[in-house]
């Protein structure tokens, strides 16, 4: 878990919830999958950002357990970026494979009923 200055945050990974005291924010690292990522140049992972009643949440479909929660969209994107980096570092240190970024997104337009 990475703690930073900010507002109160609540996160969930591997079924465990934790609330971080006011004055800190968090991104959480979780479990791994298959695949590898080359060191060096940048890698782009799809990040899903959801707006809740009082906060924003973000997660990475290709990195299960890599999530962040913050009060603003800007802050949650900063936290998830840090979370992805630390998640990959933790997988490498543990000798586990790093899942490749394979998820894609598509906006689908539909007619309102």
N, C-alpha and C. Protein backbone atom coordinates (compact mmCIF):
# COMPACT_ATOMS: atom_id res chain seq x y z
N UNK A 1 0.84 -1.17 0.00
CA UNK A 1 0.00 0.00 0.00
C UNK A 1 0.89 1.24 0.00
N UNK A 2 0.51 2.24 -0.75
CA UNK A 2 1.26 3.49 -0.84
C UNK A 2 0.40 4.59 -0.23
N UNK A 3 0.93 5.31 0.74
CA UNK A 3 0.19 6.40 1.37
C UNK A 3 0.75 7.74 0.93
N UNK A 4 -0.16 8.69 0.62
CA UNK A 4 0.25 10.03 0.20
C UNK A 4 -0.66 11.04 0.88
N UNK A 5 -0.23 12.29 0.89
CA UNK A 5 -1.09 13.34 1.44
C UNK A 5 -2.34 13.48 0.61
N UNK A 6 -3.43 13.81 1.24
CA UNK A 6 -4.68 13.97 0.53
C UNK A 6 -5.84 13.88 1.50
N UNK A 7 -6.98 13.43 1.01
CA UNK A 7 -8.18 13.32 1.83
C UNK A 7 -8.45 11.87 2.16
N UNK A 8 -9.45 11.60 2.95
CA UNK A 8 -9.78 10.25 3.40
C UNK A 8 -10.10 9.34 2.22
N UNK A 9 -9.56 8.13 2.22
CA UNK A 9 -9.76 7.18 1.13
C UNK A 9 -10.18 5.82 1.69
N UNK A 10 -10.95 5.08 0.92
CA UNK A 10 -11.30 3.70 1.26
C UNK A 10 -11.01 2.85 0.04
N UNK A 11 -10.28 1.76 0.22
CA UNK A 11 -9.92 0.90 -0.90
C UNK A 11 -10.21 -0.56 -0.58
N UNK A 12 -10.29 -1.38 -1.60
CA UNK A 12 -10.52 -2.81 -1.43
C UNK A 12 -9.63 -3.58 -2.39
N UNK A 13 -8.96 -4.59 -1.89
CA UNK A 13 -8.19 -5.50 -2.74
C UNK A 13 -8.12 -6.83 -2.02
N UNK A 14 -8.27 -7.91 -2.78
CA UNK A 14 -8.25 -9.26 -2.22
C UNK A 14 -9.30 -9.40 -1.12
N UNK A 15 -10.39 -8.69 -1.26
CA UNK A 15 -11.49 -8.82 -0.31
C UNK A 15 -11.30 -8.09 1.00
N UNK A 16 -10.20 -7.38 1.18
CA UNK A 16 -9.96 -6.68 2.45
C UNK A 16 -10.17 -5.18 2.25
N UNK A 17 -10.94 -4.56 3.12
CA UNK A 17 -11.18 -3.13 3.05
C UNK A 17 -10.29 -2.41 4.05
N UNK A 18 -9.83 -1.23 3.68
CA UNK A 18 -9.08 -0.43 4.64
C UNK A 18 -9.43 1.03 4.43
N UNK A 19 -9.54 1.76 5.50
CA UNK A 19 -9.80 3.19 5.44
C UNK A 19 -8.54 3.91 5.89
N UNK A 20 -8.10 4.83 5.09
CA UNK A 20 -6.88 5.57 5.40
C UNK A 20 -7.28 6.88 6.07
N UNK A 21 -6.63 7.22 7.19
CA UNK A 21 -7.01 8.44 7.92
C UNK A 21 -6.88 9.69 7.06
N UNK A 22 -7.68 10.73 7.42
CA UNK A 22 -7.60 12.01 6.73
C UNK A 22 -6.16 12.49 6.75
N UNK A 23 -5.74 13.10 5.64
CA UNK A 23 -4.36 13.54 5.53
C UNK A 23 -3.51 12.59 4.72
N UNK A 24 -4.12 11.48 4.27
CA UNK A 24 -3.39 10.52 3.44
C UNK A 24 -4.32 10.03 2.34
N UNK A 25 -3.71 9.55 1.25
CA UNK A 25 -4.47 8.90 0.20
C UNK A 25 -3.76 7.60 -0.12
N UNK A 26 -4.34 6.77 -0.97
CA UNK A 26 -3.75 5.46 -1.16
C UNK A 26 -3.97 4.88 -2.53
N UNK A 27 -3.06 4.02 -2.94
CA UNK A 27 -3.30 3.10 -4.04
C UNK A 27 -2.85 1.74 -3.52
N UNK A 28 -3.47 0.69 -3.97
CA UNK A 28 -3.24 -0.62 -3.39
C UNK A 28 -2.77 -1.58 -4.45
N UNK A 29 -1.85 -2.44 -4.10
CA UNK A 29 -1.33 -3.42 -5.02
C UNK A 29 -1.93 -4.77 -4.71
N UNK A 30 -2.20 -5.56 -5.76
CA UNK A 30 -2.86 -6.85 -5.53
C UNK A 30 -2.17 -8.01 -6.22
N UNK A 31 -2.95 -8.96 -6.72
CA UNK A 31 -2.46 -10.21 -7.25
C UNK A 31 -1.97 -10.10 -8.69
N UNK A 32 -1.38 -11.20 -9.19
CA UNK A 32 -0.77 -11.20 -10.52
C UNK A 32 -1.47 -12.13 -11.48
N UNK A 33 -1.08 -12.05 -12.75
CA UNK A 33 -1.57 -12.95 -13.78
C UNK A 33 -0.41 -13.42 -14.63
N UNK A 34 -0.65 -13.83 -15.86
CA UNK A 34 0.40 -14.31 -16.75
C UNK A 34 0.86 -13.21 -17.69
N UNK A 35 2.02 -13.41 -18.29
CA UNK A 35 2.51 -12.48 -19.29
C UNK A 35 3.78 -11.78 -18.85
N UNK A 36 4.28 -10.91 -19.69
CA UNK A 36 5.48 -10.16 -19.35
C UNK A 36 5.44 -8.78 -20.00
N UNK A 37 6.17 -7.87 -19.40
CA UNK A 37 6.28 -6.51 -19.93
C UNK A 37 7.76 -6.19 -20.00
N UNK A 38 8.21 -5.62 -21.11
CA UNK A 38 9.62 -5.31 -21.27
C UNK A 38 9.97 -4.04 -20.53
N UNK A 39 11.13 -4.03 -19.90
CA UNK A 39 11.61 -2.82 -19.24
C UNK A 39 12.04 -1.82 -20.29
N UNK A 40 12.13 -0.58 -19.91
CA UNK A 40 12.56 0.45 -20.86
C UNK A 40 11.44 1.39 -21.17
N UNK A 41 10.98 1.37 -22.42
CA UNK A 41 9.94 2.29 -22.88
C UNK A 41 8.65 2.16 -22.10
N UNK A 42 7.75 3.09 -22.31
CA UNK A 42 6.50 3.11 -21.59
C UNK A 42 5.55 1.99 -22.01
N UNK A 43 4.70 1.62 -21.09
CA UNK A 43 3.67 0.62 -21.32
C UNK A 43 2.34 1.28 -20.99
N UNK A 44 1.32 1.04 -21.80
CA UNK A 44 0.01 1.64 -21.55
C UNK A 44 -0.99 0.59 -21.13
N UNK A 45 -1.54 0.74 -19.93
CA UNK A 45 -2.59 -0.13 -19.43
C UNK A 45 -3.91 0.63 -19.46
N UNK A 46 -4.98 -0.06 -19.76
CA UNK A 46 -6.31 0.53 -19.70
C UNK A 46 -6.67 0.74 -18.23
N UNK A 47 -7.12 1.94 -17.89
CA UNK A 47 -7.56 2.27 -16.54
C UNK A 47 -9.03 2.64 -16.62
N UNK A 48 -9.84 1.99 -15.80
CA UNK A 48 -11.27 2.31 -15.72
C UNK A 48 -11.47 3.25 -14.55
N UNK A 49 -12.08 4.41 -14.81
CA UNK A 49 -12.35 5.40 -13.76
C UNK A 49 -13.86 5.47 -13.59
N UNK A 50 -14.31 5.33 -12.34
CA UNK A 50 -15.73 5.41 -12.03
C UNK A 50 -15.98 6.52 -11.03
N UNK A 51 -17.04 7.28 -11.25
CA UNK A 51 -17.41 8.34 -10.31
C UNK A 51 -18.49 7.82 -9.39
N UNK A 52 -18.24 7.92 -8.09
CA UNK A 52 -19.23 7.56 -7.09
C UNK A 52 -19.89 8.81 -6.54
N UNK A 53 -20.69 8.64 -5.50
CA UNK A 53 -21.38 9.79 -4.90
C UNK A 53 -20.41 10.80 -4.30
N UNK A 54 -19.34 10.30 -3.68
CA UNK A 54 -18.42 11.21 -2.99
C UNK A 54 -16.97 11.05 -3.40
N UNK A 55 -16.68 10.16 -4.35
CA UNK A 55 -15.29 9.93 -4.72
C UNK A 55 -15.19 9.33 -6.12
N UNK A 56 -13.95 9.17 -6.56
CA UNK A 56 -13.65 8.50 -7.82
C UNK A 56 -12.87 7.24 -7.51
N UNK A 57 -13.13 6.19 -8.25
CA UNK A 57 -12.38 4.95 -8.13
C UNK A 57 -11.74 4.64 -9.46
N UNK A 58 -10.61 3.94 -9.42
CA UNK A 58 -9.93 3.53 -10.65
C UNK A 58 -9.37 2.13 -10.45
N UNK A 59 -9.41 1.33 -11.51
CA UNK A 59 -8.80 0.01 -11.46
C UNK A 59 -8.25 -0.34 -12.83
N UNK A 60 -7.37 -1.34 -12.84
CA UNK A 60 -6.70 -1.77 -14.06
C UNK A 60 -7.11 -3.21 -14.34
N UNK A 61 -7.94 -3.45 -15.35
CA UNK A 61 -8.42 -4.80 -15.64
C UNK A 61 -7.31 -5.83 -15.83
N UNK A 62 -6.18 -5.41 -16.38
CA UNK A 62 -5.08 -6.34 -16.64
C UNK A 62 -4.19 -6.59 -15.42
N UNK A 63 -4.38 -5.83 -14.35
CA UNK A 63 -3.61 -5.99 -13.12
C UNK A 63 -4.58 -6.16 -11.95
N UNK A 64 -5.14 -7.36 -11.77
CA UNK A 64 -6.12 -7.58 -10.70
C UNK A 64 -5.61 -7.12 -9.34
N UNK A 65 -6.43 -6.35 -8.64
CA UNK A 65 -6.08 -5.85 -7.32
C UNK A 65 -5.41 -4.50 -7.33
N UNK A 66 -5.07 -3.97 -8.49
CA UNK A 66 -4.44 -2.66 -8.57
C UNK A 66 -5.56 -1.63 -8.68
N UNK A 67 -5.85 -0.96 -7.56
CA UNK A 67 -6.98 -0.03 -7.48
C UNK A 67 -6.57 1.23 -6.73
N UNK A 68 -7.33 2.29 -6.95
CA UNK A 68 -7.11 3.55 -6.21
C UNK A 68 -8.45 4.23 -6.03
N UNK A 69 -8.57 4.99 -4.96
CA UNK A 69 -9.77 5.78 -4.67
C UNK A 69 -9.34 7.15 -4.20
N UNK A 70 -10.00 8.20 -4.71
CA UNK A 70 -9.67 9.56 -4.32
C UNK A 70 -10.91 10.44 -4.49
N UNK A 71 -10.84 11.64 -3.99
CA UNK A 71 -11.98 12.55 -4.06
C UNK A 71 -12.09 13.26 -5.40
N UNK A 72 -11.01 13.31 -6.18
CA UNK A 72 -11.06 13.96 -7.49
C UNK A 72 -10.55 13.01 -8.57
N UNK A 73 -10.98 13.25 -9.80
CA UNK A 73 -10.53 12.43 -10.94
C UNK A 73 -9.02 12.59 -11.12
N UNK A 74 -8.55 13.80 -11.02
CA UNK A 74 -7.12 14.07 -11.19
C UNK A 74 -6.29 13.29 -10.17
N UNK A 75 -6.73 13.31 -8.92
CA UNK A 75 -5.99 12.62 -7.86
C UNK A 75 -6.03 11.10 -8.05
N UNK A 76 -7.19 10.55 -8.46
CA UNK A 76 -7.27 9.10 -8.63
C UNK A 76 -6.39 8.65 -9.79
N UNK A 77 -6.27 9.45 -10.85
CA UNK A 77 -5.39 9.09 -11.96
C UNK A 77 -3.93 9.12 -11.53
N UNK A 78 -3.57 10.08 -10.70
CA UNK A 78 -2.20 10.13 -10.18
C UNK A 78 -1.91 8.90 -9.34
N UNK A 79 -2.84 8.53 -8.47
CA UNK A 79 -2.65 7.38 -7.60
C UNK A 79 -2.59 6.07 -8.37
N UNK A 80 -3.46 5.89 -9.36
CA UNK A 80 -3.45 4.63 -10.10
C UNK A 80 -2.18 4.51 -10.93
N UNK A 81 -1.67 5.63 -11.43
CA UNK A 81 -0.39 5.60 -12.17
C UNK A 81 0.73 5.10 -11.25
N UNK A 82 0.78 5.62 -10.04
CA UNK A 82 1.77 5.17 -9.07
C UNK A 82 1.53 3.70 -8.70
N UNK A 83 0.27 3.34 -8.55
CA UNK A 83 -0.08 1.97 -8.20
C UNK A 83 0.37 0.97 -9.25
N UNK A 84 0.19 1.33 -10.52
CA UNK A 84 0.62 0.44 -11.61
C UNK A 84 2.13 0.23 -11.55
N UNK A 85 2.87 1.30 -11.39
CA UNK A 85 4.33 1.20 -11.32
C UNK A 85 4.75 0.31 -10.16
N UNK A 86 4.19 0.53 -8.99
CA UNK A 86 4.56 -0.26 -7.82
C UNK A 86 4.08 -1.71 -7.93
N UNK A 87 2.94 -1.92 -8.54
CA UNK A 87 2.41 -3.26 -8.74
C UNK A 87 3.38 -4.07 -9.60
N UNK A 88 3.81 -3.48 -10.70
CA UNK A 88 4.75 -4.15 -11.61
C UNK A 88 6.08 -4.42 -10.90
N UNK A 89 6.58 -3.44 -10.15
CA UNK A 89 7.83 -3.63 -9.41
C UNK A 89 7.70 -4.78 -8.41
N UNK A 90 6.57 -4.85 -7.71
CA UNK A 90 6.36 -5.91 -6.72
C UNK A 90 6.30 -7.28 -7.39
N UNK A 91 5.64 -7.37 -8.54
CA UNK A 91 5.59 -8.64 -9.27
C UNK A 91 6.99 -9.08 -9.68
N UNK A 92 7.77 -8.16 -10.21
CA UNK A 92 9.14 -8.49 -10.64
C UNK A 92 10.00 -8.93 -9.47
N UNK A 93 9.90 -8.21 -8.34
CA UNK A 93 10.68 -8.56 -7.15
C UNK A 93 10.31 -9.95 -6.64
N UNK A 94 9.04 -10.33 -6.79
CA UNK A 94 8.57 -11.64 -6.33
C UNK A 94 8.85 -12.74 -7.37
N UNK A 95 9.41 -12.35 -8.52
CA UNK A 95 9.70 -13.31 -9.56
C UNK A 95 8.45 -13.81 -10.28
N UNK A 96 7.37 -13.05 -10.18
CA UNK A 96 6.11 -13.41 -10.84
C UNK A 96 6.02 -12.72 -12.20
N UNK A 97 5.30 -13.34 -13.13
CA UNK A 97 5.14 -12.70 -14.45
C UNK A 97 4.28 -11.44 -14.36
N UNK A 98 4.58 -10.48 -15.20
CA UNK A 98 3.81 -9.25 -15.27
C UNK A 98 2.82 -9.38 -16.43
N UNK A 99 1.52 -9.26 -16.14
CA UNK A 99 0.53 -9.39 -17.21
C UNK A 99 0.71 -8.31 -18.28
N UNK A 100 0.63 -8.70 -19.53
CA UNK A 100 0.73 -7.69 -20.59
C UNK A 100 -0.55 -6.87 -20.67
N UNK A 101 -0.45 -5.64 -21.14
CA UNK A 101 -1.66 -4.83 -21.30
C UNK A 101 -2.44 -5.30 -22.53
N UNK A 102 -3.56 -6.00 -22.30
CA UNK A 102 -4.34 -6.53 -23.43
C UNK A 102 -5.76 -5.98 -23.50
N UNK A 103 -6.24 -5.37 -22.42
CA UNK A 103 -7.60 -4.84 -22.41
C UNK A 103 -7.71 -3.62 -23.30
N UNK A 104 -8.83 -3.50 -23.96
CA UNK A 104 -9.13 -2.35 -24.82
C UNK A 104 -10.50 -1.81 -24.41
N UNK A 105 -10.79 -0.59 -24.81
CA UNK A 105 -12.12 -0.03 -24.52
C UNK A 105 -12.77 0.42 -25.80
N UNK A 106 -14.07 0.50 -25.76
CA UNK A 106 -14.83 0.96 -26.90
C UNK A 106 -16.09 1.64 -26.38
N UNK A 107 -16.37 2.82 -26.86
CA UNK A 107 -17.61 3.50 -26.52
C UNK A 107 -18.67 3.04 -27.53
N UNK A 108 -19.81 2.63 -27.03
CA UNK A 108 -20.89 2.14 -27.87
C UNK A 108 -22.06 3.10 -27.78
N UNK A 109 -22.49 3.61 -28.92
CA UNK A 109 -23.63 4.54 -28.95
C UNK A 109 -24.91 3.75 -29.16
N UNK A 110 -25.92 4.03 -28.32
CA UNK A 110 -27.21 3.37 -28.45
C UNK A 110 -28.32 4.42 -28.45
N UNK A 111 -29.45 4.07 -29.02
CA UNK A 111 -30.60 4.98 -28.99
C UNK A 111 -31.29 4.84 -27.64
N UNK A 112 -31.71 5.98 -27.10
CA UNK A 112 -32.42 5.95 -25.82
C UNK A 112 -33.81 5.38 -26.06
N UNK A 113 -34.31 4.64 -25.09
CA UNK A 113 -35.63 4.00 -25.22
C UNK A 113 -36.76 5.00 -25.07
